[in-house]
Amino acid sequence: MSDIVTHEDNTLVYRPDDCVNCGMCIEVCPHAVFAPGERVVNVVRHSSCMECGACVMNCPTTALAVEAGVGCAEALIWQAIKGGDAPACCGPSVKGETCC
């Protein structure tokens, strides 16, 4: 049916063939990465994924995978622990300087 969807900016993997269109990922994603689709959920803002893992934990199938605790999610956690200004998740390790 569909190919596996990935993006160079983060570790989010979406397998549309495994999606049952329940919409849980839409409900729990804090950055509106997903949107309703006719037969399956659509990934509309892949590069906005902060790799928190909420979508994976709430998906009833194996349609989603992510390495939680990397990328912007790691920056947010360290910012919360250390305090200070907004997390600096942009840098040379992030292609295209995509930020949280």
C-alpha atoms as a PDB file:
ATOM      1  CA  MET A   1       0.000   0.000   0.000  1.00  0.00           C
ATOM      2  CA  SER A   2       2.328   2.774   1.246  1.00  0.00           C
ATOM      3  CA  ASP A   3       6.016   3.174   1.891  1.00  0.00           C
ATOM      4  CA  ILE A   4       7.583   3.745   5.286  1.00  0.00           C
ATOM      5  CA  VAL A   5       7.810   7.476   5.998  1.00  0.00           C
ATOM      6  CA  THR A   6      11.002   8.900   7.531  1.00  0.00           C
ATOM      7  CA  HIS A   7      12.725  12.288   7.592  1.00  0.00           C
ATOM      8  CA  GLU A   8      16.364  13.346   7.915  1.00  0.00           C
ATOM      9  CA  ASP A   9      15.712  15.695  10.868  1.00  0.00           C
ATOM     10  CA  ASN A  10      14.586  13.116  13.425  1.00  0.00           C
ATOM     11  CA  THR A  11      14.047   9.442  14.173  1.00  0.00           C
ATOM     12  CA  LEU A  12      10.269   9.278  13.659  1.00  0.00           C
ATOM     13  CA  VAL A  13       9.250   6.324  11.480  1.00  0.00           C
ATOM     14  CA  TYR A  14       5.668   5.968  10.207  1.00  0.00           C
ATOM     15  CA  ARG A  15       4.365   2.759   8.645  1.00  0.00           C
ATOM     16  CA  PRO A  16       1.032   3.629   6.977  1.00  0.00           C
ATOM     17  CA  ASP A  17       0.370  -0.040   6.186  1.00  0.00           C
ATOM     18  CA  ASP A  18       0.077  -0.680   9.935  1.00  0.00           C
ATOM     19  CA  CYS A  19      -2.106   2.385  10.681  1.00  0.00           C
ATOM     20  CA  VAL A  20      -5.723   1.676  11.707  1.00  0.00           C
ATOM     21  CA  ASN A  21      -6.694   5.380  11.545  1.00  0.00           C
ATOM     22  CA  CYS A  22      -7.608   5.528  15.240  1.00  0.00           C
ATOM     23  CA  GLY A  23      -6.314   9.111  15.566  1.00  0.00           C
ATOM     24  CA  MET A  24      -4.529   8.615  18.888  1.00  0.00           C
ATOM     25  CA  CYS A  25      -1.298  10.067  17.493  1.00  0.00           C
ATOM     26  CA  ILE A  26      -3.209  13.186  16.435  1.00  0.00           C
ATOM     27  CA  GLU A  27      -4.621  13.563  19.941  1.00  0.00           C
ATOM     28  CA  VAL A  28      -1.353  13.175  21.845  1.00  0.00           C
ATOM     29  CA  CYS A  29       1.214  14.853  19.582  1.00  0.00           C
ATOM     30  CA  PRO A  30       2.215  18.233  21.078  1.00  0.00           C
ATOM     31  CA  HIS A  31       3.484  19.563  17.733  1.00  0.00           C
ATOM     32  CA  ALA A  32       0.671  18.592  15.323  1.00  0.00           C
ATOM     33  CA  VAL A  33       2.885  16.250  13.324  1.00  0.00           C
ATOM     34  CA  PHE A  34      -0.147  14.162  12.302  1.00  0.00           C
ATOM     35  CA  ALA A  35      -3.457  15.014  10.617  1.00  0.00           C
ATOM     36  CA  PRO A  36      -6.595  13.032   9.798  1.00  0.00           C
ATOM     37  CA  GLY A  37      -6.603  11.131   6.547  1.00  0.00           C
ATOM     38  CA  GLU A  38      -9.228   9.260   4.601  1.00  0.00           C
ATOM     39  CA  ARG A  39      -7.876   5.748   5.257  1.00  0.00           C
ATOM     40  CA  VAL A  40      -4.820   6.352   7.440  1.00  0.00           C
ATOM     41  CA  VAL A  41      -3.390   9.224   9.453  1.00  0.00           C
ATOM     42  CA  ASN A  42      -1.161  11.590   7.473  1.00  0.00           C
ATOM     43  CA  VAL A  43       2.224  12.917   8.568  1.00  0.00           C
ATOM     44  CA  VAL A  44       2.007  16.618   7.758  1.00  0.00           C
ATOM     45  CA  ARG A  45       4.809  18.168   9.848  1.00  0.00           C
ATOM     46  CA  HIS A  46       7.446  15.439  10.119  1.00  0.00           C
ATOM     47  CA  SER A  47      10.284  17.845  10.898  1.00  0.00           C
ATOM     48  CA  SER A  48       8.283  19.249  13.854  1.00  0.00           C
ATOM     49  CA  CYS A  49       8.566  15.955  15.748  1.00  0.00           C
ATOM     50  CA  MET A  50      10.430  16.499  19.036  1.00  0.00           C
ATOM     51  CA  GLU A  51      10.808  12.744  19.558  1.00  0.00           C
ATOM     52  CA  CYS A  52       8.880  12.637  22.842  1.00  0.00           C
ATOM     53  CA  GLY A  53       7.419   9.190  22.098  1.00  0.00           C
ATOM     54  CA  ALA A  54       3.801  10.032  23.004  1.00  0.00           C
ATOM     55  CA  CYS A  55       2.545   8.852  19.620  1.00  0.00           C
ATOM     56  CA  VAL A  56       4.363   5.521  19.899  1.00  0.00           C
ATOM     57  CA  MET A  57       3.107   4.866  23.435  1.00  0.00           C
ATOM     58  CA  ASN A  58      -0.489   5.516  22.369  1.00  0.00           C
ATOM     59  CA  CYS A  59      -0.491   3.760  18.989  1.00  0.00           C
ATOM     60  CA  PRO A  60      -2.387   0.441  19.211  1.00  0.00           C
ATOM     61  CA  THR A  61      -0.324  -1.007  16.340  1.00  0.00           C
ATOM     62  CA  THR A  62       3.293  -0.837  15.169  1.00  0.00           C
ATOM     63  CA  ALA A  63       2.620   2.076  12.811  1.00  0.00           C
ATOM     64  CA  LEU A  64       4.950   4.458  14.669  1.00  0.00           C
ATOM     65  CA  ALA A  65       8.470   4.280  16.049  1.00  0.00           C
ATOM     66  CA  VAL A  66      10.831   6.907  17.436  1.00  0.00           C
ATOM     67  CA  GLU A  67      14.016   6.984  19.484  1.00  0.00           C
ATOM     68  CA  ALA A  68      12.599   8.942  22.413  1.00  0.00           C
ATOM     69  CA  GLY A  69      15.106  11.092  24.275  1.00  0.00           C
ATOM     70  CA  VAL A  70      17.087  12.273  21.270  1.00  0.00           C
ATOM     71  CA  GLY A  71      17.050  15.483  19.256  1.00  0.00           C
ATOM     72  CA  CYS A  72      14.821  18.270  20.540  1.00  0.00           C
ATOM     73  CA  ALA A  73      13.327  16.104  23.277  1.00  0.00           C
ATOM     74  CA  GLU A  74      16.762  15.718  24.827  1.00  0.00           C
ATOM     75  CA  ALA A  75      17.302  19.478  24.628  1.00  0.00           C
ATOM     76  CA  LEU A  76      13.963  20.121  26.357  1.00  0.00           C
ATOM     77  CA  ILE A  77      14.796  17.691  29.148  1.00  0.00           C
ATOM     78  CA  TRP A  78      18.215  19.263  29.781  1.00  0.00           C
ATOM     79  CA  GLN A  79      16.674  22.741  29.703  1.00  0.00           C
ATOM     80  CA  ALA A  80      14.112  21.660  32.314  1.00  0.00           C
ATOM     81  CA  ILE A  81      16.835  20.185  34.540  1.00  0.00           C
ATOM     82  CA  LYS A  82      19.311  23.047  34.231  1.00  0.00           C
ATOM     83  CA  GLY A  83      16.833  25.916  33.780  1.00  0.00           C
ATOM     84  CA  GLY A  84      17.464  28.902  31.579  1.00  0.00           C
ATOM     85  CA  ASP A  85      16.192  30.111  28.253  1.00  0.00           C
ATOM     86  CA  ALA A  86      14.484  28.104  25.539  1.00  0.00           C
ATOM     87  CA  PRO A  87      16.348  24.953  24.552  1.00  0.00           C
ATOM     88  CA  ALA A  88      19.010  25.238  21.896  1.00  0.00           C
ATOM     89  CA  CYS A  89      18.153  22.281  19.702  1.00  0.00           C
ATOM     90  CA  CYS A  90      19.453  23.924  16.553  1.00  0.00           C
ATOM     91  CA  GLY A  91      23.027  23.377  15.695  1.00  0.00           C
ATOM     92  CA  PRO A  92      25.465  21.701  13.369  1.00  0.00           C
ATOM     93  CA  SER A  93      24.093  18.247  14.156  1.00  0.00           C
ATOM     94  CA  VAL A  94      20.618  19.193  12.958  1.00  0.00           C
ATOM     95  CA  LYS A  95      20.326  19.548   9.180  1.00  0.00           C
ATOM     96  CA  GLY A  96      18.562  22.669   7.964  1.00  0.00           C
ATOM     97  CA  GLU A  97      18.616  24.114  11.497  1.00  0.00           C
ATOM     98  CA  THR A  98      15.119  22.846  12.320  1.00  0.00           C
ATOM     99  CA  CYS A  99      14.171  23.895  15.846  1.00  0.00           C
ATOM    100  CA  CYS A 100      11.580  22.867  18.392  1.00  0.00           C
END
